[in-house]
Amino acid sequence: MAETQLVELVREAILAGCLVLLPVLAAGFAVAFLVGLVQAATGIHEPVVGLLPRLVVMTAVLLVTLPWMVERLAELFRSAVVGS
């Protein structure tokens, strides 16, 4: 494997990893923002109140998008094997 191929493969792997994590992180940030607004409006500043909704939503998004994530990563591995 040439050096340029390896650099390209690493770049694709980093981009694929970021793309795969994006839905879960975006859902977590959205819920954290909404919970933060509610906590600021009500004056309740309990860490558990902010943590539980994020965990539930991020787990749900992970379970829904897991087949897509696995397919994207399998596609990356297939291209790495074929390219070498």
N, C-alpha and C. Protein backbone atom coordinates (compact mmCIF):
# COMPACT_ATOMS: atom_id res chain seq x y z
N MET A 1 0.85 -1.17 0.00
CA MET A 1 0.00 0.00 0.00
C MET A 1 0.90 1.24 0.00
N ALA A 2 0.64 2.09 -0.94
CA ALA A 2 1.44 3.30 -1.06
C ALA A 2 1.07 4.28 0.05
N GLU A 3 1.97 5.18 0.30
CA GLU A 3 1.77 6.16 1.37
C GLU A 3 0.54 7.04 1.10
N THR A 4 0.35 7.41 -0.15
CA THR A 4 -0.81 8.26 -0.48
C THR A 4 -2.12 7.52 -0.29
N GLN A 5 -2.13 6.22 -0.59
CA GLN A 5 -3.34 5.41 -0.37
C GLN A 5 -3.66 5.31 1.12
N LEU A 6 -2.62 5.16 1.92
CA LEU A 6 -2.83 5.07 3.36
C LEU A 6 -3.37 6.38 3.92
N VAL A 7 -2.84 7.49 3.48
CA VAL A 7 -3.31 8.80 3.93
C VAL A 7 -4.77 8.99 3.53
N GLU A 8 -5.11 8.61 2.31
CA GLU A 8 -6.49 8.73 1.83
C GLU A 8 -7.43 7.83 2.64
N LEU A 9 -6.98 6.63 2.96
CA LEU A 9 -7.79 5.70 3.76
C LEU A 9 -8.03 6.24 5.16
N VAL A 10 -7.01 6.80 5.77
CA VAL A 10 -7.15 7.39 7.10
C VAL A 10 -8.10 8.58 7.06
N ARG A 11 -7.98 9.40 6.02
CA ARG A 11 -8.88 10.55 5.88
C ARG A 11 -10.33 10.09 5.73
N GLU A 12 -10.56 9.07 4.92
CA GLU A 12 -11.91 8.53 4.75
C GLU A 12 -12.44 7.94 6.05
N ALA A 13 -11.57 7.29 6.82
CA ALA A 13 -11.98 6.69 8.09
C ALA A 13 -12.38 7.77 9.09
N ILE A 14 -11.64 8.84 9.15
CA ILE A 14 -11.97 9.93 10.07
C ILE A 14 -13.28 10.59 9.66
N LEU A 15 -13.46 10.84 8.38
CA LEU A 15 -14.71 11.45 7.91
C LEU A 15 -15.90 10.52 8.14
N ALA A 16 -15.72 9.22 7.90
CA ALA A 16 -16.80 8.27 8.13
C ALA A 16 -17.15 8.20 9.62
N GLY A 17 -16.15 8.22 10.47
CA GLY A 17 -16.40 8.21 11.91
C GLY A 17 -17.18 9.43 12.37
N CYS A 18 -16.81 10.59 11.85
CA CYS A 18 -17.53 11.82 12.19
C CYS A 18 -18.96 11.77 11.68
N LEU A 19 -19.15 11.28 10.46
CA LEU A 19 -20.48 11.20 9.88
C LEU A 19 -21.36 10.23 10.64
N VAL A 20 -20.79 9.13 11.10
CA VAL A 20 -21.55 8.12 11.84
C VAL A 20 -21.96 8.65 13.21
N LEU A 21 -21.11 9.44 13.84
CA LEU A 21 -21.42 9.97 15.17
C LEU A 21 -22.35 11.18 15.14
N LEU A 22 -22.45 11.83 14.01
CA LEU A 22 -23.20 13.07 13.91
C LEU A 22 -24.66 12.98 14.37
N PRO A 23 -25.45 11.98 13.96
CA PRO A 23 -26.85 11.96 14.41
C PRO A 23 -27.00 11.85 15.92
N VAL A 24 -26.19 11.02 16.54
CA VAL A 24 -26.29 10.83 17.99
C VAL A 24 -25.87 12.10 18.72
N LEU A 25 -24.78 12.69 18.29
CA LEU A 25 -24.31 13.92 18.95
C LEU A 25 -25.27 15.08 18.73
N ALA A 26 -25.82 15.19 17.53
CA ALA A 26 -26.78 16.27 17.26
C ALA A 26 -28.02 16.13 18.12
N ALA A 27 -28.51 14.91 18.27
CA ALA A 27 -29.68 14.68 19.13
C ALA A 27 -29.34 15.01 20.59
N GLY A 28 -28.16 14.63 21.03
CA GLY A 28 -27.74 14.94 22.40
C GLY A 28 -27.62 16.43 22.64
N PHE A 29 -27.05 17.15 21.68
CA PHE A 29 -26.93 18.61 21.82
C PHE A 29 -28.29 19.29 21.82
N ALA A 30 -29.20 18.82 20.96
CA ALA A 30 -30.54 19.42 20.89
C ALA A 30 -31.29 19.22 22.20
N VAL A 31 -31.23 18.01 22.74
CA VAL A 31 -31.91 17.74 24.00
C VAL A 31 -31.26 18.52 25.14
N ALA A 32 -29.96 18.59 25.15
CA ALA A 32 -29.27 19.36 26.20
C ALA A 32 -29.66 20.83 26.15
N PHE A 33 -29.80 21.37 24.94
CA PHE A 33 -30.22 22.76 24.80
C PHE A 33 -31.64 22.97 25.34
N LEU A 34 -32.55 22.07 24.96
CA LEU A 34 -33.93 22.20 25.42
C LEU A 34 -34.04 22.01 26.94
N VAL A 35 -33.34 21.05 27.47
CA VAL A 35 -33.37 20.83 28.92
C VAL A 35 -32.74 22.01 29.64
N GLY A 36 -31.69 22.57 29.08
CA GLY A 36 -31.08 23.75 29.68
C GLY A 36 -32.03 24.93 29.71
N LEU A 37 -32.79 25.11 28.64
CA LEU A 37 -33.79 26.18 28.63
C LEU A 37 -34.86 25.95 29.70
N VAL A 38 -35.32 24.72 29.81
CA VAL A 38 -36.34 24.40 30.82
C VAL A 38 -35.77 24.60 32.22
N GLN A 39 -34.55 24.16 32.44
CA GLN A 39 -33.94 24.33 33.75
C GLN A 39 -33.73 25.79 34.09
N ALA A 40 -33.36 26.59 33.13
CA ALA A 40 -33.18 28.02 33.38
C ALA A 40 -34.52 28.70 33.66
N ALA A 41 -35.55 28.26 32.98
CA ALA A 41 -36.87 28.88 33.17
C ALA A 41 -37.50 28.49 34.50
N THR A 42 -37.26 27.25 34.95
CA THR A 42 -37.89 26.78 36.18
C THR A 42 -37.02 26.95 37.41
N GLY A 43 -35.73 27.11 37.22
CA GLY A 43 -34.84 27.24 38.37
C GLY A 43 -34.38 25.91 38.94
N ILE A 44 -34.73 24.82 38.28
CA ILE A 44 -34.29 23.49 38.73
C ILE A 44 -32.93 23.23 38.10
N HIS A 45 -31.92 23.08 38.92
CA HIS A 45 -30.56 22.87 38.41
C HIS A 45 -29.99 21.56 38.93
N GLU A 46 -30.73 20.50 38.75
CA GLU A 46 -30.32 19.16 39.16
C GLU A 46 -29.61 18.49 37.99
N PRO A 47 -28.40 18.00 38.16
CA PRO A 47 -27.68 17.37 37.04
C PRO A 47 -28.39 16.15 36.47
N VAL A 48 -29.09 15.40 37.32
CA VAL A 48 -29.77 14.19 36.84
C VAL A 48 -30.90 14.55 35.89
N VAL A 49 -31.56 15.67 36.13
CA VAL A 49 -32.65 16.11 35.28
C VAL A 49 -32.14 16.38 33.87
N GLY A 50 -30.93 16.85 33.73
CA GLY A 50 -30.36 17.09 32.42
C GLY A 50 -29.75 15.85 31.79
N LEU A 51 -29.30 14.92 32.62
CA LEU A 51 -28.61 13.74 32.10
C LEU A 51 -29.56 12.68 31.55
N LEU A 52 -30.62 12.40 32.26
CA LEU A 52 -31.51 11.31 31.86
C LEU A 52 -32.16 11.52 30.49
N PRO A 53 -32.71 12.69 30.20
CA PRO A 53 -33.29 12.84 28.86
C PRO A 53 -32.25 12.70 27.74
N ARG A 54 -31.05 13.20 27.98
CA ARG A 54 -30.00 13.05 26.97
C ARG A 54 -29.66 11.58 26.74
N LEU A 55 -29.52 10.83 27.83
CA LEU A 55 -29.20 9.41 27.69
C LEU A 55 -30.30 8.66 26.96
N VAL A 56 -31.53 8.95 27.29
CA VAL A 56 -32.65 8.25 26.65
C VAL A 56 -32.70 8.57 25.15
N VAL A 57 -32.61 9.85 24.81
CA VAL A 57 -32.70 10.25 23.40
C VAL A 57 -31.49 9.75 22.62
N MET A 58 -30.31 9.85 23.17
CA MET A 58 -29.13 9.39 22.45
C MET A 58 -29.15 7.88 22.26
N THR A 59 -29.65 7.13 23.24
CA THR A 59 -29.78 5.69 23.09
C THR A 59 -30.80 5.34 22.01
N ALA A 60 -31.93 6.06 22.00
CA ALA A 60 -32.95 5.81 20.99
C ALA A 60 -32.42 6.11 19.59
N VAL A 61 -31.73 7.23 19.44
CA VAL A 61 -31.17 7.58 18.12
C VAL A 61 -30.11 6.56 17.72
N LEU A 62 -29.31 6.10 18.66
CA LEU A 62 -28.30 5.10 18.36
C LEU A 62 -28.94 3.81 17.87
N LEU A 63 -30.01 3.37 18.53
CA LEU A 63 -30.67 2.13 18.12
C LEU A 63 -31.34 2.27 16.76
N VAL A 64 -31.89 3.44 16.47
CA VAL A 64 -32.56 3.66 15.18
C VAL A 64 -31.54 3.73 14.05
N THR A 65 -30.42 4.38 14.28
CA THR A 65 -29.44 4.58 13.21
C THR A 65 -28.34 3.51 13.17
N LEU A 66 -28.39 2.55 14.07
CA LEU A 66 -27.34 1.53 14.12
C LEU A 66 -27.18 0.75 12.81
N PRO A 67 -28.25 0.31 12.16
CA PRO A 67 -28.03 -0.40 10.88
C PRO A 67 -27.32 0.47 9.84
N TRP A 68 -27.68 1.73 9.76
CA TRP A 68 -27.03 2.64 8.83
C TRP A 68 -25.55 2.82 9.19
N MET A 69 -25.27 2.95 10.48
CA MET A 69 -23.89 3.11 10.94
C MET A 69 -23.05 1.90 10.58
N VAL A 70 -23.57 0.73 10.82
CA VAL A 70 -22.83 -0.50 10.52
C VAL A 70 -22.59 -0.62 9.02
N GLU A 71 -23.60 -0.27 8.22
CA GLU A 71 -23.43 -0.34 6.77
C GLU A 71 -22.36 0.64 6.28
N ARG A 72 -22.35 1.85 6.82
CA ARG A 72 -21.34 2.84 6.42
C ARG A 72 -19.93 2.35 6.77
N LEU A 73 -19.76 1.80 7.98
CA LEU A 73 -18.44 1.33 8.39
C LEU A 73 -18.03 0.07 7.62
N ALA A 74 -18.99 -0.81 7.33
CA ALA A 74 -18.68 -1.99 6.53
C ALA A 74 -18.27 -1.59 5.13
N GLU A 75 -18.92 -0.57 4.59
CA GLU A 75 -18.55 -0.05 3.27
C GLU A 75 -17.12 0.49 3.27
N LEU A 76 -16.77 1.17 4.35
CA LEU A 76 -15.40 1.68 4.47
C LEU A 76 -14.39 0.53 4.52
N PHE A 77 -14.69 -0.50 5.31
CA PHE A 77 -13.77 -1.63 5.41
C PHE A 77 -13.66 -2.39 4.09
N ARG A 78 -14.81 -2.52 3.39
CA ARG A 78 -14.77 -3.19 2.08
C ARG A 78 -13.89 -2.42 1.10
N SER A 79 -14.01 -1.11 1.10
CA SER A 79 -13.19 -0.31 0.19
C SER A 79 -11.72 -0.37 0.59
N ALA A 80 -11.43 -0.53 1.87
CA ALA A 80 -10.05 -0.64 2.31
C ALA A 80 -9.44 -1.97 1.87
N VAL A 81 -10.22 -3.04 1.92
CA VAL A 81 -9.72 -4.36 1.52
C VAL A 81 -9.55 -4.43 0.02
N VAL A 82 -10.51 -3.92 -0.72
CA VAL A 82 -10.43 -3.95 -2.18
C VAL A 82 -9.33 -3.03 -2.68
N GLY A 83 -9.15 -1.91 -2.00
CA GLY A 83 -8.13 -0.94 -2.43
C GLY A 83 -6.71 -1.38 -2.17
N SER A 84 -6.51 -2.32 -1.25
CA SER A 84 -5.12 -2.72 -0.93
C SER A 84 -4.57 -3.76 -1.85
